[in-house]
Amino acid sequence: MEVDVYSQYFTAECVYNGRRRRGVVVKLTSSSEAGMIRYCVSVSFFPHENPEDFLISYDAYGEKEIYNAKGRRSKKREAVLLAEIRKHADELAKSLGGTIDWEKPLGEERRG
């Protein structure tokens, strides 16, 4: 089962596949199967051509596994992983040629 632990949209800058992207969604997801828990950080840049444009294209996408071990979801572990999410998201953004403006969210964070 996969769960979005955290998700938030931010203003961003990225040119990918010849198209300018002005928004990004940053996520921390957990997935569990057969007694194993896995957490991943992902970023997905999207055009955001107007205030209502949140169409995610998924071609400017990066994902990084940051935890994989026996166990189940833990609020304590998730707090630690969330404290490091910007570092991982910035690395992913850089690998795609983009940057995230953490001071300009495009909406409230969502937790699951």
Protein backbone atom coordinates (compact mmCIF):
# COMPACT_ATOMS: atom_id res chain seq x y z
CA MET A 1 0.00 0.00 0.00
CA GLU A 2 1.33 3.45 -0.93
CA VAL A 3 0.53 6.59 1.11
CA ASP A 4 1.46 10.23 0.53
CA VAL A 5 2.93 11.16 3.91
CA TYR A 6 3.55 14.73 2.74
CA SER A 7 2.76 16.67 -0.42
CA GLN A 8 3.14 20.35 -1.24
CA TYR A 9 3.33 22.54 -4.34
CA PHE A 10 5.95 25.28 -4.68
CA THR A 11 7.04 27.89 -7.17
CA ALA A 12 10.03 26.56 -9.12
CA GLU A 13 12.20 27.09 -12.16
CA CYS A 14 13.13 24.35 -14.58
CA VAL A 15 13.41 23.89 -18.34
CA TYR A 16 12.83 20.27 -19.26
CA ASN A 17 12.26 18.80 -22.72
CA GLY A 18 12.39 22.35 -24.06
CA ARG A 19 9.49 23.52 -21.90
CA ARG A 20 9.68 25.98 -19.04
CA ARG A 21 8.31 24.70 -15.71
CA ARG A 22 7.30 27.18 -13.00
CA GLY A 23 5.88 24.82 -10.39
CA VAL A 24 6.89 21.65 -8.58
CA VAL A 25 5.14 19.17 -6.34
CA VAL A 26 7.33 17.68 -3.59
CA LYS A 27 6.22 14.42 -1.97
CA LEU A 28 7.27 11.99 0.73
CA THR A 29 5.58 8.65 0.14
CA SER A 30 5.62 5.45 2.10
CA SER A 31 4.93 2.00 0.74
CA SER A 32 4.67 -1.19 2.69
CA GLU A 33 4.62 -4.80 1.65
CA ALA A 34 5.37 -8.07 3.44
CA GLY A 35 6.58 -6.40 6.65
CA MET A 36 8.89 -3.94 4.86
CA ILE A 37 8.49 -0.15 4.83
CA ARG A 38 9.97 2.10 2.18
CA TYR A 39 10.04 5.91 2.02
CA CYS A 40 10.75 7.93 -1.11
CA VAL A 41 11.07 11.63 -1.86
CA SER A 42 9.90 12.76 -5.28
CA VAL A 43 9.70 15.99 -7.26
CA SER A 44 7.66 16.65 -10.37
CA PHE A 45 8.04 19.94 -12.23
CA PHE A 46 5.05 21.25 -14.17
CA PRO A 47 4.36 24.30 -16.39
CA HIS A 48 2.08 26.28 -13.99
CA GLU A 49 1.25 28.83 -16.68
CA ASN A 50 -1.53 30.44 -14.62
CA PRO A 51 -2.69 30.33 -10.99
CA GLU A 52 -5.07 27.44 -11.69
CA ASP A 53 -2.66 25.33 -13.78
CA PHE A 54 -1.60 22.33 -11.70
CA LEU A 55 -1.45 19.86 -14.61
CA ILE A 56 1.38 17.48 -13.76
CA SER A 57 3.19 16.17 -16.84
CA TYR A 58 5.46 13.60 -15.10
CA ASP A 59 8.25 13.93 -17.66
CA ALA A 60 10.27 16.21 -15.36
CA TYR A 61 10.13 13.73 -12.48
CA GLY A 62 12.72 12.43 -10.06
CA GLU A 63 12.48 10.02 -7.13
CA LYS A 64 14.91 8.92 -4.43
CA GLU A 65 14.52 6.12 -1.90
CA ILE A 66 15.61 7.43 1.51
CA TYR A 67 14.59 4.54 3.80
CA ASN A 68 13.94 0.84 3.32
CA ALA A 69 13.80 -1.64 6.22
CA LYS A 70 11.63 -4.09 8.16
CA GLY A 71 8.84 -2.44 10.07
CA ARG A 72 5.83 -0.23 9.59
CA ARG A 73 4.98 3.47 9.50
CA SER A 74 6.24 5.47 12.46
CA LYS A 75 5.43 9.11 13.29
CA LYS A 76 8.83 9.50 14.89
CA ARG A 77 10.65 8.19 11.79
CA GLU A 78 8.49 10.31 9.50
CA ALA A 79 9.35 13.45 11.50
CA VAL A 80 13.04 12.73 10.97
CA LEU A 81 12.54 12.08 7.25
CA LEU A 82 10.46 15.26 6.84
CA ALA A 83 13.24 17.27 8.49
CA GLU A 84 15.52 16.13 5.63
CA ILE A 85 13.04 16.40 2.74
CA ARG A 86 14.32 19.73 1.39
CA LYS A 87 17.86 18.41 1.07
CA HIS A 88 16.71 15.38 -0.94
CA ALA A 89 14.23 17.38 -3.03
CA ASP A 90 16.92 19.97 -3.86
CA GLU A 91 19.25 17.17 -5.03
CA LEU A 92 16.52 15.75 -7.25
CA ALA A 93 15.65 19.20 -8.59
CA LYS A 94 19.31 19.89 -9.41
CA SER A 95 19.58 16.58 -11.28
CA LEU A 96 16.66 17.74 -13.47
CA GLY A 97 18.18 21.20 -13.98
CA GLY A 98 15.70 22.94 -11.70
CA THR A 99 15.37 24.81 -8.45
CA ILE A 100 12.62 24.98 -5.82
CA ASP A 101 11.61 28.26 -4.17
CA TRP A 102 10.78 26.97 -0.69
CA GLU A 103 9.63 30.44 0.39
CA LYS A 104 6.83 30.53 -2.21
CA PRO A 105 4.38 27.64 -1.67
CA LEU A 106 1.52 27.37 -4.15
CA GLY A 107 -0.80 25.97 -1.49
CA GLU A 108 -0.93 24.38 1.92
CA GLU A 109 0.92 21.18 2.70
CA ARG A 110 -1.04 17.95 2.78
CA ARG A 111 -0.31 15.09 5.15
CA GLY A 112 -1.61 11.56 4.96
